[in-house]
Amino acid sequence: MRQLLLLRHAKSSWDDPKLSDFDRPLAGRGLKSAPLVGRELARRGWLPDLALVSTALRTRDTWRLVSAELPKNVPAEFTDALYGAADADILAKVRKAKADSLLVLGHNPGLEDFARRLAGPGSDAGALKKLEEKFPTAALARAAP
């Protein structure tokens, strides 16, 4: 794999306590930040060939807004397996994916744990420091040779 992009969903809303965690929509902040992530991916040329996306509402909505900003159509595979997935489960999905450039859009703590697992001595020191502090909503991590 040439490039792996890990994206945490954009900020979700907690306004309706009757909704299940799975069905929480994006908050106003998430609706603003998701397109910014898409534009940044396009600006940097970090375009995935495939996106693996959790089926939770907030991840599907994040992908809809991110992908609308990309200069090419990127196929997405929506999978229940990424909702609440541990880092080992995410690794298993990544290994099975058939793409040179893959984006995984999911949730914490699994996504953050997976990003930390991939980080190594060659990683950017500033990025590692930020990752050690927090992997916030709409955060993006990139692994490439």
Protein backbone atom coordinates (compact mmCIF):
# COMPACT_ATOMS: atom_id res chain seq x y z
CA MET A 1 0.00 0.00 0.00
CA ARG A 2 1.35 3.36 -1.03
CA GLN A 3 -0.69 5.51 1.36
CA LEU A 4 -3.00 5.00 4.32
CA LEU A 5 -5.18 7.85 5.55
CA LEU A 6 -6.92 7.61 8.93
CA LEU A 7 -9.76 10.05 9.47
CA ARG A 8 -11.83 10.38 12.60
CA HIS A 9 -15.41 11.48 11.97
CA ALA A 10 -16.23 15.18 12.29
CA LYS A 11 -17.79 16.57 15.48
CA SER A 12 -21.11 14.93 16.26
CA SER A 13 -24.13 16.30 18.06
CA TRP A 14 -25.26 15.24 21.52
CA ASP A 15 -28.39 17.43 21.34
CA ASP A 16 -30.91 14.58 21.25
CA PRO A 17 -30.40 12.25 24.23
CA LYS A 18 -32.96 9.81 22.77
CA LEU A 19 -30.71 8.95 19.83
CA SER A 20 -28.42 5.97 20.04
CA ASP A 21 -24.70 6.62 19.70
CA PHE A 22 -24.82 5.01 16.25
CA ASP A 23 -27.49 7.47 15.05
CA ARG A 24 -25.92 10.74 16.22
CA PRO A 25 -25.68 13.32 13.39
CA LEU A 26 -22.95 15.85 12.83
CA ALA A 27 -22.97 19.02 14.91
CA GLY A 28 -22.65 22.44 13.29
CA ARG A 29 -18.90 22.35 13.86
CA GLY A 30 -18.70 18.97 12.13
CA LEU A 31 -20.70 20.23 9.16
CA LYS A 32 -18.11 22.99 8.75
CA SER A 33 -14.94 20.95 9.36
CA ALA A 34 -15.65 17.92 7.15
CA PRO A 35 -15.55 19.86 3.85
CA LEU A 36 -12.33 21.53 5.03
CA VAL A 37 -10.75 18.09 5.41
CA GLY A 38 -11.83 17.19 1.89
CA ARG A 39 -10.33 20.38 0.50
CA GLU A 40 -7.08 19.76 2.37
CA LEU A 41 -6.85 16.21 1.02
CA ALA A 42 -7.36 17.59 -2.49
CA ARG A 43 -4.83 20.41 -1.96
CA ARG A 44 -2.16 17.98 -0.81
CA GLY A 45 -2.96 15.41 -3.49
CA TRP A 46 -3.68 12.76 -0.86
CA LEU A 47 -6.49 11.17 -2.81
CA PRO A 48 -7.62 7.71 -1.82
CA ASP A 49 -8.56 5.00 -4.31
CA LEU A 50 -11.00 3.57 -1.77
CA ALA A 51 -12.60 4.65 1.49
CA LEU A 52 -13.60 2.24 4.24
CA VAL A 53 -16.30 4.00 6.25
CA SER A 54 -18.10 3.02 9.44
CA THR A 55 -21.85 2.76 8.96
CA ALA A 56 -22.63 5.13 11.86
CA LEU A 57 -24.53 8.22 10.74
CA ARG A 58 -21.78 10.69 11.69
CA THR A 59 -19.13 8.80 9.68
CA ARG A 60 -21.38 8.46 6.63
CA ASP A 61 -22.17 12.18 6.80
CA THR A 62 -18.50 13.04 7.25
CA TRP A 63 -17.62 11.02 4.16
CA ARG A 64 -20.40 12.64 2.13
CA LEU A 65 -19.01 16.10 2.93
CA VAL A 66 -15.32 15.14 2.54
CA SER A 67 -15.79 13.29 -0.73
CA ALA A 68 -17.80 16.15 -2.26
CA GLU A 69 -14.60 18.24 -2.11
CA LEU A 70 -12.36 15.70 -3.86
CA PRO A 71 -11.52 16.15 -7.55
CA LYS A 72 -12.35 12.54 -8.35
CA ASN A 73 -15.04 10.07 -7.41
CA VAL A 74 -13.74 7.79 -4.67
CA PRO A 75 -15.64 4.55 -4.09
CA ALA A 76 -16.63 3.88 -0.50
CA GLU A 77 -17.23 0.62 1.29
CA PHE A 78 -19.53 1.14 4.27
CA THR A 79 -18.87 -1.45 6.94
CA ASP A 80 -20.39 -2.20 10.34
CA ALA A 81 -17.04 -3.68 11.37
CA LEU A 82 -15.50 -0.21 11.81
CA TYR A 83 -18.11 0.95 14.33
CA GLY A 84 -16.46 0.46 17.72
CA ALA A 85 -13.53 -1.36 16.12
CA ALA A 86 -10.34 -1.92 18.08
CA ASP A 87 -6.99 -1.19 16.43
CA ALA A 88 -6.44 -4.87 15.60
CA ASP A 89 -9.82 -4.99 13.83
CA ILE A 90 -8.94 -1.91 11.80
CA LEU A 91 -5.62 -3.47 10.84
CA ALA A 92 -7.43 -6.59 9.62
CA LYS A 93 -9.75 -4.48 7.42
CA VAL A 94 -6.79 -2.52 6.03
CA ARG A 95 -4.90 -5.71 5.16
CA LYS A 96 -7.88 -7.03 3.19
CA ALA A 97 -8.44 -3.80 1.24
CA LYS A 98 -7.47 -3.76 -2.41
CA ALA A 99 -6.20 -0.20 -2.90
CA ASP A 100 -2.89 1.60 -3.32
CA SER A 101 -4.28 4.56 -1.41
CA LEU A 102 -6.81 3.80 1.31
CA LEU A 103 -8.78 6.07 3.62
CA VAL A 104 -10.31 4.63 6.81
CA LEU A 105 -13.02 6.75 8.40
CA GLY A 106 -13.95 5.64 11.89
CA HIS A 107 -14.07 6.27 15.61
CA ASN A 108 -11.99 6.57 18.73
CA PRO A 109 -10.49 4.95 20.64
CA GLY A 110 -9.71 2.35 17.97
CA LEU A 111 -8.64 4.78 15.27
CA GLU A 112 -6.37 6.71 17.61
CA ASP A 113 -4.84 3.48 18.92
CA PHE A 114 -4.26 2.31 15.35
CA ALA A 115 -2.58 5.60 14.40
CA ARG A 116 -0.28 5.30 17.41
CA ARG A 117 0.47 1.68 16.47
CA LEU A 118 1.59 2.77 13.00
CA ALA A 119 3.68 5.71 14.18
CA GLY A 120 7.36 4.97 14.34
CA PRO A 121 10.82 6.48 14.52
CA GLY A 122 10.48 8.03 11.06
CA SER A 123 7.29 9.87 11.99
CA ASP A 124 7.13 13.65 12.12
CA ALA A 125 7.97 14.70 15.71
CA GLY A 126 5.32 17.43 15.81
CA ALA A 127 2.64 15.10 14.52
CA LEU A 128 3.63 12.45 17.08
CA LYS A 129 3.36 14.97 19.88
CA LYS A 130 -0.13 15.96 18.76
CA LEU A 131 -1.15 12.31 18.46
CA GLU A 132 0.08 11.61 21.98
CA GLU A 133 -2.11 14.44 23.29
CA LYS A 134 -5.32 13.67 21.40
CA PHE A 135 -6.79 12.47 18.11
CA PRO A 136 -9.74 14.88 17.93
CA THR A 137 -12.78 14.81 15.70
CA ALA A 138 -11.94 15.44 12.02
CA ALA A 139 -8.30 14.56 12.73
CA LEU A 140 -6.35 13.06 9.85
CA ALA A 141 -3.26 10.87 10.07
CA ARG A 142 -1.26 9.71 7.04
CA ALA A 143 1.12 6.81 6.69
CA ALA A 144 3.15 6.55 3.50
CA PRO A 145 6.51 5.06 2.53
